[in-house]
Amino acid sequence: MGRQGQSSPDHIRFVTYTTRYNRDYWISVDGLSKHYERADVDAQRRGGVYDIKTNNITRLGLRETDHAKQIRIDARISR
């Protein structure tokens, strides 16, 4: 059997308490409102639409958005 590379999921639930551990596939948490308190991201992409909900996050990085038609972060729409 051949080895397959790791695929990037379309739905990510990510929790961190510090920006030291801030990356998961196509998201990165680059700023927190309160350090050492729970910060979470629930991100889903479907048909070029990215729907992202955050808590305790002031800065969020996104990768793999070349084909994004719309990006919604906490109900704010861009693109």
C-alpha atoms as a PDB file:
ATOM      1  CA  MET A   1       0.000   0.000   0.000  1.00  0.00           C
ATOM      2  CA  GLY A   2       1.179   3.497  -0.787  1.00  0.00           C
ATOM      3  CA  ARG A   3       1.529   6.140   1.848  1.00  0.00           C
ATOM      4  CA  GLN A   4      -0.736   9.114   1.632  1.00  0.00           C
ATOM      5  CA  GLY A   5       0.112  12.526   2.992  1.00  0.00           C
ATOM      6  CA  GLN A   6      -1.842  14.122   5.771  1.00  0.00           C
ATOM      7  CA  SER A   7      -4.899  15.905   4.430  1.00  0.00           C
ATOM      8  CA  SER A   8      -6.109  19.237   5.707  1.00  0.00           C
ATOM      9  CA  PRO A   9      -9.562  18.959   7.338  1.00  0.00           C
ATOM     10  CA  ASP A  10     -12.466  21.244   6.432  1.00  0.00           C
ATOM     11  CA  HIS A  11     -13.603  21.534  10.065  1.00  0.00           C
ATOM     12  CA  ILE A  12     -11.249  22.477  12.907  1.00  0.00           C
ATOM     13  CA  ARG A  13     -11.981  22.877  16.599  1.00  0.00           C
ATOM     14  CA  PHE A  14      -8.916  24.265  18.326  1.00  0.00           C
ATOM     15  CA  VAL A  15      -8.290  25.284  21.955  1.00  0.00           C
ATOM     16  CA  THR A  16      -5.212  26.978  23.396  1.00  0.00           C
ATOM     17  CA  TYR A  17      -4.246  28.967  26.469  1.00  0.00           C
ATOM     18  CA  THR A  18      -1.134  30.610  25.014  1.00  0.00           C
ATOM     19  CA  THR A  19       0.199  31.748  21.645  1.00  0.00           C
ATOM     20  CA  ARG A  20       3.175  29.443  22.129  1.00  0.00           C
ATOM     21  CA  TYR A  21       0.975  26.546  20.953  1.00  0.00           C
ATOM     22  CA  ASN A  22      -1.033  28.368  18.337  1.00  0.00           C
ATOM     23  CA  ARG A  23      -1.276  26.373  15.071  1.00  0.00           C
ATOM     24  CA  ASP A  24      -3.552  23.698  13.695  1.00  0.00           C
ATOM     25  CA  TYR A  25      -3.628  22.925   9.958  1.00  0.00           C
ATOM     26  CA  TRP A  26      -4.843  26.126   8.253  1.00  0.00           C
ATOM     27  CA  ILE A  27      -5.406  28.355  11.298  1.00  0.00           C
ATOM     28  CA  SER A  28      -3.089  30.083  13.764  1.00  0.00           C
ATOM     29  CA  VAL A  29      -3.993  32.051  16.872  1.00  0.00           C
ATOM     30  CA  ASP A  30      -1.642  35.031  16.921  1.00  0.00           C
ATOM     31  CA  GLY A  31      -3.221  37.200  19.641  1.00  0.00           C
ATOM     32  CA  LEU A  32      -5.249  36.617  22.799  1.00  0.00           C
ATOM     33  CA  SER A  33      -7.434  38.992  24.825  1.00  0.00           C
ATOM     34  CA  LYS A  34      -6.381  37.310  28.070  1.00  0.00           C
ATOM     35  CA  HIS A  35      -3.328  35.081  28.154  1.00  0.00           C
ATOM     36  CA  TYR A  36      -3.525  31.784  30.070  1.00  0.00           C
ATOM     37  CA  GLU A  37      -7.313  31.731  29.744  1.00  0.00           C
ATOM     38  CA  ARG A  38      -9.107  29.431  27.329  1.00  0.00           C
ATOM     39  CA  ALA A  39      -9.193  30.630  23.726  1.00  0.00           C
ATOM     40  CA  ASP A  40     -10.986  28.599  21.096  1.00  0.00           C
ATOM     41  CA  VAL A  41     -11.694  28.534  17.387  1.00  0.00           C
ATOM     42  CA  ASP A  42     -14.425  26.624  15.568  1.00  0.00           C
ATOM     43  CA  ALA A  43     -13.609  26.943  11.864  1.00  0.00           C
ATOM     44  CA  GLN A  44     -15.373  25.316   8.932  1.00  0.00           C
ATOM     45  CA  ARG A  45     -14.928  25.716   5.188  1.00  0.00           C
ATOM     46  CA  ARG A  46     -17.452  24.605   2.614  1.00  0.00           C
ATOM     47  CA  GLY A  47     -17.673  25.491  -1.051  1.00  0.00           C
ATOM     48  CA  GLY A  48     -15.277  28.415  -0.748  1.00  0.00           C
ATOM     49  CA  VAL A  49     -17.070  29.857   2.302  1.00  0.00           C
ATOM     50  CA  TYR A  50     -15.112  29.989   5.566  1.00  0.00           C
ATOM     51  CA  ASP A  51     -17.261  30.291   8.703  1.00  0.00           C
ATOM     52  CA  ILE A  52     -15.171  30.901  11.830  1.00  0.00           C
ATOM     53  CA  LYS A  53     -16.238  31.474  15.427  1.00  0.00           C
ATOM     54  CA  THR A  54     -13.715  32.619  18.026  1.00  0.00           C
ATOM     55  CA  ASN A  55     -13.531  33.264  21.749  1.00  0.00           C
ATOM     56  CA  ASN A  56     -10.790  35.246  23.552  1.00  0.00           C
ATOM     57  CA  ILE A  57      -8.882  35.816  20.286  1.00  0.00           C
ATOM     58  CA  THR A  58      -7.697  39.204  18.998  1.00  0.00           C
ATOM     59  CA  ARG A  59      -5.646  38.064  16.004  1.00  0.00           C
ATOM     60  CA  LEU A  60      -6.206  35.026  13.786  1.00  0.00           C
ATOM     61  CA  GLY A  61      -4.089  33.834  10.861  1.00  0.00           C
ATOM     62  CA  LEU A  62      -5.553  31.787   7.990  1.00  0.00           C
ATOM     63  CA  ARG A  63      -3.781  29.727   5.334  1.00  0.00           C
ATOM     64  CA  GLU A  64      -5.135  27.844   2.328  1.00  0.00           C
ATOM     65  CA  THR A  65      -7.559  30.646   1.423  1.00  0.00           C
ATOM     66  CA  ASP A  66      -6.603  31.007  -2.253  1.00  0.00           C
ATOM     67  CA  HIS A  67     -10.028  29.835  -3.438  1.00  0.00           C
ATOM     68  CA  ALA A  68     -12.104  31.477  -0.683  1.00  0.00           C
ATOM     69  CA  LYS A  69     -15.200  33.278  -1.928  1.00  0.00           C
ATOM     70  CA  GLN A  70     -16.224  34.551   1.493  1.00  0.00           C
ATOM     71  CA  ILE A  71     -14.683  34.572   4.962  1.00  0.00           C
ATOM     72  CA  ARG A  72     -16.918  35.139   8.003  1.00  0.00           C
ATOM     73  CA  ILE A  73     -15.251  35.619  11.364  1.00  0.00           C
ATOM     74  CA  ASP A  74     -17.661  36.034  14.274  1.00  0.00           C
ATOM     75  CA  ALA A  75     -20.428  37.014  11.809  1.00  0.00           C
ATOM     76  CA  ARG A  76     -18.283  39.691  10.108  1.00  0.00           C
ATOM     77  CA  ILE A  77     -17.933  39.116   6.372  1.00  0.00           C
ATOM     78  CA  SER A  78     -14.851  39.823   4.260  1.00  0.00           C
ATOM     79  CA  ARG A  79     -13.978  39.219   0.607  1.00  0.00           C
END
